[in-house]
Protein backbone atom coordinates (compact mmCIF):
# COMPACT_ATOMS: atom_id res chain seq x y z
CA MET A 1 51.47 13.98 58.53
CA PRO A 2 49.80 14.28 55.13
CA GLU A 3 49.73 11.48 52.57
CA HIS A 4 50.46 11.65 49.06
CA THR A 5 49.97 8.83 46.58
CA SER A 6 52.78 7.91 44.93
CA ALA A 7 54.15 5.48 42.03
CA ARG A 8 55.23 2.01 42.55
CA PRO A 9 58.32 1.90 44.69
CA ALA A 10 61.58 1.46 42.85
CA PRO A 11 63.34 -1.71 43.51
CA PRO A 12 66.21 -1.44 45.99
CA ALA A 13 69.47 -1.34 45.27
CA THR A 14 71.27 -4.47 44.83
CA SER A 15 75.03 -3.54 44.59
CA ALA A 16 77.19 -3.91 47.39
CA ALA A 17 77.41 -0.22 48.10
CA PRO A 18 74.85 2.24 48.61
CA VAL A 19 73.99 4.59 45.78
CA ALA A 20 74.42 8.36 46.66
CA PRO A 21 71.68 10.66 45.22
CA VAL A 22 72.48 11.94 41.88
CA ALA A 23 70.47 15.00 41.79
CA PRO A 24 68.77 17.54 43.83
CA ALA A 25 65.66 16.50 46.01
CA THR A 26 62.31 16.95 44.27
CA ARG A 27 60.54 19.20 46.74
CA TYR A 28 56.91 20.71 46.43
CA PRO A 29 54.31 22.28 48.71
CA ILE A 30 51.77 20.14 50.52
CA ARG A 31 48.28 21.49 48.90
CA PRO A 32 44.84 21.51 50.69
CA ASP A 33 43.15 19.29 48.14
CA GLU A 34 45.54 16.30 48.55
CA ARG A 35 44.47 13.24 49.94
CA SER A 36 46.80 13.94 52.89
CA GLY A 37 44.35 12.64 55.99
CA MET A 38 44.39 16.12 57.27
CA LEU A 39 40.83 16.60 58.71
CA HIS A 40 41.08 20.33 58.20
CA PRO A 41 43.66 20.52 55.48
CA ARG A 42 43.18 24.60 55.25
CA ASN A 43 45.55 24.48 58.30
CA VAL A 44 48.59 23.69 55.74
CA GLU A 45 48.42 27.04 54.76
CA ARG A 46 49.38 28.38 57.94
CA PHE A 47 52.49 26.38 57.70
CA ALA A 48 55.32 26.17 55.52
CA ALA A 49 55.13 22.67 54.54
CA ALA A 50 56.25 20.49 51.70
CA TRP A 51 56.78 17.11 50.46
CA ILE A 52 60.55 15.97 49.37
CA ASP A 53 60.83 12.79 47.36
CA PRO A 54 63.28 9.99 48.39
CA HIS A 55 66.04 8.92 46.01
CA PRO A 56 64.85 5.78 44.01
CA SER A 57 67.60 3.69 45.58
CA VAL A 58 65.71 4.07 48.70
CA ALA A 59 62.05 4.27 47.69
CA ALA A 60 61.30 0.72 48.82
CA VAL A 61 61.89 1.80 52.33
CA VAL A 62 60.77 5.72 52.40
CA ASP A 63 57.21 6.55 51.11
CA ARG A 64 58.09 10.40 51.45
CA TYR A 65 60.10 12.82 53.27
CA TRP A 66 57.78 15.83 54.69
CA HIS A 67 58.59 18.93 56.71
CA VAL A 68 56.82 21.83 58.46
CA THR A 69 57.69 24.99 60.45
CA TRP A 70 55.40 27.10 62.20
CA ASN A 71 55.48 30.35 63.91
CA LEU A 72 52.07 31.19 65.86
CA PRO A 73 51.42 34.09 67.88
CA GLU A 74 51.34 33.83 71.68
CA GLY A 75 47.99 32.21 72.96
CA GLU A 76 47.12 30.61 69.76
CA HIS A 77 47.17 27.12 68.85
CA ILE A 78 45.97 24.77 66.33
CA ASP A 79 44.37 21.14 67.15
CA GLN A 80 45.71 19.23 64.45
CA ARG A 81 44.21 15.87 63.91
CA ILE A 82 44.94 13.49 60.88
CA ILE A 83 43.75 10.18 59.60
CA ASP A 84 47.11 9.41 58.95
CA HIS A 85 48.69 6.95 56.42
CA PRO A 86 48.94 3.34 57.42
CA ALA A 87 52.53 3.83 58.08
CA VAL A 88 55.29 4.37 60.71
CA THR A 89 56.95 7.80 60.87
CA LEU A 90 60.25 8.88 62.15
CA THR A 91 60.47 12.58 63.08
CA ILE A 92 63.40 15.02 64.09
CA GLU A 93 61.67 17.74 65.85
CA ALA A 94 62.60 21.24 67.34
CA GLY A 95 60.61 24.13 69.05
CA ASP A 96 57.78 23.65 71.00
CA VAL A 97 57.44 19.70 70.32
CA PRO A 98 57.22 16.57 72.54
CA ALA A 99 60.78 15.19 71.79
CA PRO A 100 63.45 15.74 69.71
CA LEU A 101 63.33 12.47 68.05
CA LEU A 102 60.24 10.46 67.81
CA VAL A 103 58.73 7.29 65.90
CA THR A 104 55.10 7.18 65.65
CA GLY A 105 53.43 4.08 64.68
CA VAL A 106 50.39 3.08 62.96
CA GLN A 107 47.20 4.55 64.77
CA ARG A 108 43.94 3.19 64.96
CA GLY A 109 42.39 6.50 65.87
CA ALA A 110 42.85 9.80 64.08
CA TRP A 111 46.24 11.13 65.07
CA ARG A 112 46.34 14.60 67.34
CA ARG A 113 48.69 16.96 68.14
CA ARG A 114 48.08 20.60 69.86
CA ILE A 115 50.35 22.91 67.90
CA THR A 116 51.65 26.13 69.80
CA GLY A 117 54.57 28.55 69.99
CA SER A 118 57.15 27.83 66.97
CA GLY A 119 58.70 24.71 65.64
CA SER A 120 59.76 22.43 62.83
CA VAL A 121 59.37 18.87 62.09
CA PHE A 122 61.45 16.81 59.38
CA ALA A 123 59.78 13.53 58.69
CA ILE A 124 60.68 10.19 57.30
CA ARG A 125 57.40 8.39 56.40
CA LEU A 126 58.15 4.77 55.72
CA ARG A 127 56.78 2.15 53.31
CA PRO A 128 55.38 -1.13 54.99
CA ALA A 129 58.75 -2.79 54.67
CA GLY A 130 60.75 0.28 55.99
CA LEU A 131 60.65 -0.35 59.53
CA GLU A 132 62.52 -3.82 59.49
CA VAL A 133 65.45 -2.25 57.39
CA VAL A 134 65.92 0.76 59.71
CA SER A 135 65.21 -0.73 63.00
CA ASP A 136 64.85 -3.71 65.01
CA LEU A 137 61.64 -2.60 66.26
CA ALA A 138 58.32 -4.63 65.86
CA VAL A 139 55.56 -2.59 64.23
CA ARG A 140 52.99 -3.67 66.98
CA SER A 141 55.55 -2.26 69.78
CA VAL A 142 55.21 1.45 68.44
CA ALA A 143 51.26 1.23 67.43
CA ASP A 144 49.21 3.73 68.57
CA ALA A 145 51.57 6.09 70.08
CA ALA A 146 54.61 8.64 69.45
CA THR A 147 57.60 7.35 71.23
CA PRO A 148 60.95 9.40 71.88
CA VAL A 149 63.71 7.67 69.97
CA ILE A 150 66.64 6.99 72.50
CA PRO A 151 69.40 4.51 72.36
CA THR A 152 67.77 2.14 74.59
CA LEU A 153 64.76 2.06 72.80
CA ASP A 154 66.39 1.05 69.23
CA ALA A 155 70.06 1.63 68.53
CA ARG A 156 69.91 1.14 64.77
CA VAL A 157 67.11 3.93 64.41
CA HIS A 158 68.53 6.35 67.09
CA ARG A 159 72.01 6.11 64.94
CA LEU A 160 69.96 7.10 61.59
CA LEU A 161 67.88 9.76 63.14
CA ALA A 162 71.29 11.16 65.07
CA THR A 163 72.86 11.00 61.63
CA VAL A 164 70.40 13.28 59.80
CA GLU A 165 69.45 15.58 62.64
CA PRO A 166 72.72 17.60 62.29
CA GLU A 167 72.08 18.86 59.06
CA ALA A 168 71.12 22.59 58.11
CA ASP A 169 67.94 22.30 56.30
CA ALA A 170 65.18 19.88 55.01
CA ALA A 171 66.96 19.28 51.65
CA ALA A 172 70.09 18.44 53.22
CA ARG A 173 68.59 16.10 55.68
CA ALA A 174 66.60 14.36 52.76
CA ALA A 175 69.95 13.80 51.22
CA ALA A 176 71.76 12.71 54.51
CA ALA A 177 68.74 10.25 55.33
CA ASP A 178 68.79 9.02 51.42
CA ASP A 179 72.62 7.86 51.95
CA ALA A 180 72.24 6.38 55.76
CA ILE A 181 69.17 4.45 54.62
CA ALA A 182 70.94 3.28 51.40
CA THR A 183 73.45 1.74 53.50
CA LEU A 184 70.68 0.09 55.96
CA LEU A 185 69.10 -1.34 52.85
CA VAL A 186 72.23 -2.95 51.65
CA GLU A 187 72.63 -4.74 55.16
CA ARG A 188 69.02 -5.87 55.15
CA PRO A 189 67.39 -6.11 51.66
CA LEU A 190 63.76 -6.65 51.34
CA ASP A 191 62.56 -10.08 51.22
CA ALA A 192 59.45 -10.98 49.20
CA GLU A 193 57.06 -10.65 51.86
CA GLN A 194 57.96 -7.03 52.34
CA GLU A 195 57.88 -6.38 48.74
CA LEU A 196 54.40 -7.73 48.76
CA ALA A 197 53.28 -5.46 51.50
CA ASN A 198 54.60 -2.45 49.53
CA ALA A 199 52.74 -3.56 46.56
CA VAL A 200 49.26 -3.88 48.38
CA LEU A 201 49.59 -0.59 49.85
CA VAL A 202 50.29 1.19 46.62
CA GLU A 203 47.68 -0.85 44.94
CA LEU A 204 44.97 -0.07 47.81
CA ALA A 205 45.77 3.68 47.57
CA GLU A 206 45.30 3.38 43.50
CA ARG A 207 42.33 1.73 43.60
CA VAL A 208 40.30 3.49 46.54
CA HIS A 209 37.15 3.92 44.61
CA GLU A 210 37.03 -0.09 43.90
CA ARG A 211 35.59 -2.51 46.20
CA THR A 212 38.85 -4.75 47.49
CA GLY A 213 36.89 -8.18 46.62
CA THR A 214 39.01 -11.13 46.20
CA THR A 215 41.22 -10.12 43.07
CA LEU A 216 43.77 -8.17 45.38
CA GLY A 217 46.13 -11.07 45.74
CA ALA A 218 45.62 -12.67 42.43
CA GLY A 219 46.24 -9.02 40.60
CA LEU A 220 49.85 -9.17 42.59
CA GLY A 221 50.45 -12.85 42.06
CA ALA A 222 49.82 -13.83 45.49
CA SER A 223 47.23 -15.47 47.55
CA ASP A 224 45.02 -13.76 49.84
CA ARG A 225 46.67 -15.49 52.92
CA ALA A 226 50.07 -13.97 51.93
CA VAL A 227 48.72 -10.61 51.55
CA GLN A 228 47.21 -11.23 55.03
CA ARG A 229 50.36 -12.24 56.49
CA ALA A 230 52.53 -9.35 54.81
CA LEU A 231 50.56 -6.64 56.12
CA ALA A 232 50.24 -8.07 59.53
CA ARG A 233 53.95 -8.30 59.85
CA THR A 234 54.86 -4.71 58.29
CA VAL A 235 51.75 -2.77 59.28
CA GLY A 236 50.14 -4.43 62.28
CA HIS A 237 46.45 -5.14 60.50
CA GLY A 238 44.90 -6.73 57.65
CA PRO A 239 43.98 -5.65 54.09
CA LYS A 240 40.33 -4.68 55.26
CA TRP A 241 41.55 -2.50 57.90
CA VAL A 242 44.22 -0.91 55.41
CA THR A 243 41.44 -0.56 52.78
CA ARG A 244 39.17 1.41 55.37
CA ARG A 245 42.10 3.76 56.33
CA VAL A 246 42.89 4.62 52.90
CA ARG A 247 39.01 5.24 52.09
CA LEU A 248 38.54 7.15 55.16
CA GLN A 249 41.46 9.75 54.12
CA GLU A 250 39.75 10.08 50.56
CA VAL A 251 36.44 10.61 52.34
CA ALA A 252 37.97 13.43 54.49
CA ARG A 253 39.61 14.63 51.59
CA VAL A 254 36.43 14.93 49.31
CA LEU A 255 34.23 16.25 52.38
CA SER A 256 36.70 19.03 53.21
CA THR A 257 37.10 20.38 49.47
CA ASP A 258 33.63 19.84 47.89
CA ALA A 259 30.83 21.35 49.83
CA SER A 260 28.03 20.23 47.63
CA VAL A 261 28.87 16.47 47.85
CA GLN A 262 26.01 14.38 49.08
CA ILE A 263 27.64 11.51 51.68
CA ALA A 264 25.32 8.77 50.34
CA ASP A 265 26.83 9.42 46.76
CA LEU A 266 30.26 9.53 48.18
CA ALA A 267 29.76 6.02 49.88
CA ALA A 268 28.92 4.88 46.63
CA ARG A 269 31.75 6.17 44.70
CA LEU A 270 33.87 4.71 47.55
CA GLY A 271 32.57 0.99 47.28
CA TYR A 272 31.04 1.24 50.76
CA ALA A 273 27.55 -1.06 50.89
CA ASP A 274 25.67 2.18 52.22
CA GLN A 275 26.07 5.45 53.84
CA ALA A 276 25.70 3.99 57.27
CA HIS A 277 28.52 1.67 56.91
CA LEU A 278 30.84 4.92 56.04
CA GLY A 279 29.55 6.81 58.71
CA ASN A 280 30.30 3.81 61.45
CA ASP A 281 34.01 3.60 60.06
CA PHE A 282 34.32 7.34 59.85
CA ARG A 283 33.14 8.17 63.44
CA GLY A 284 35.11 5.12 65.03
CA VAL A 285 38.08 6.91 63.81
CA VAL A 286 37.33 10.58 63.75
CA GLY A 287 34.61 10.74 66.66
CA LEU A 288 32.22 12.45 64.45
CA THR A 289 29.78 11.59 61.93
CA PRO A 290 30.68 12.47 58.65
CA GLY A 291 27.93 15.30 58.34
CA ALA A 292 28.92 16.66 61.59
CA TYR A 293 32.53 16.85 60.09
CA GLN A 294 31.41 18.65 57.25
CA ARG A 295 30.15 21.26 58.98
CA SER A 296 32.96 21.67 61.39
CA VAL A 297 34.92 22.44 58.21
CA ARG A 298 32.72 24.84 57.08
CA THR A 299 32.77 26.61 60.25
CA ALA A 300 36.77 26.65 60.33
CA MET A 301 36.76 27.75 56.86
CA ALA A 302 34.31 30.67 58.09
CA GLY A 303 36.94 31.98 60.57
CA VAL A 304 34.64 31.36 63.61
CA GLY A 305 36.53 31.40 66.73
CA GLY A 306 39.97 32.41 67.70
CA SER A 307 41.96 29.21 67.14
CA SER A 308 42.04 26.91 64.58
CA SER A 309 41.22 23.33 65.21
CA SER A 310 41.98 19.80 63.50
């Protein structure tokens, strides 16, 4: 689901016991003009959708909690597509949904789901380091799929979600997830490679308007090879792929919110060699050229057709 660029993660707790939250969770609506990766972000206005910040004690594991609820008229649907963040997401779902508990891996293409009827989702979007803390799953084993979480898939992550699921609302679920993940983090503290992977993704999101260059590793006090290994282990892709992913989220944000933008100018602002390179990247993930996508956004905003798309 949507991406929200956040500050550098706080270091994990180092005490022998989990750190309990000391203040209510910060909750705020997901906005259509955010770098969410939603290809038609105005759809968010049809949901009750919000972010919840994780407690600082687990911010090295959890990037963001989010939750949505929907109730569509009979016969109506929304084809939701997202250039999702390069991250693994755990969800607790109810209503017209594929399964009650899911793990969604890093996707090479745009994530897609047809939304119908009514339902709700509470999500735990992990940082790169997070999957190894909360589960015994390898990042590549869940890539390009949304897999039901059952005990035989992975007992550790199933216990986590089963602990959080009974809570009455999203805020209570976030608090329960904070507590449970803090305990898991004490059991499996991050190593240096996991911390590097977290820092790389934050850095790439913050410098989306710059070329990657050869200074990424140097700026983080690591070699380029170390960066490559850290991302391969935790995300399943290298820094060039992750950079393209974050940039494409920015492409979608700009094209869906600024009708006057010229694609060639946008390519230059984002550090692409030229408009053709941007177009090839975007079409490879979305299946549309940037121009065709821009026109589809305008059509959707004009209210053409009975059902919403993307």
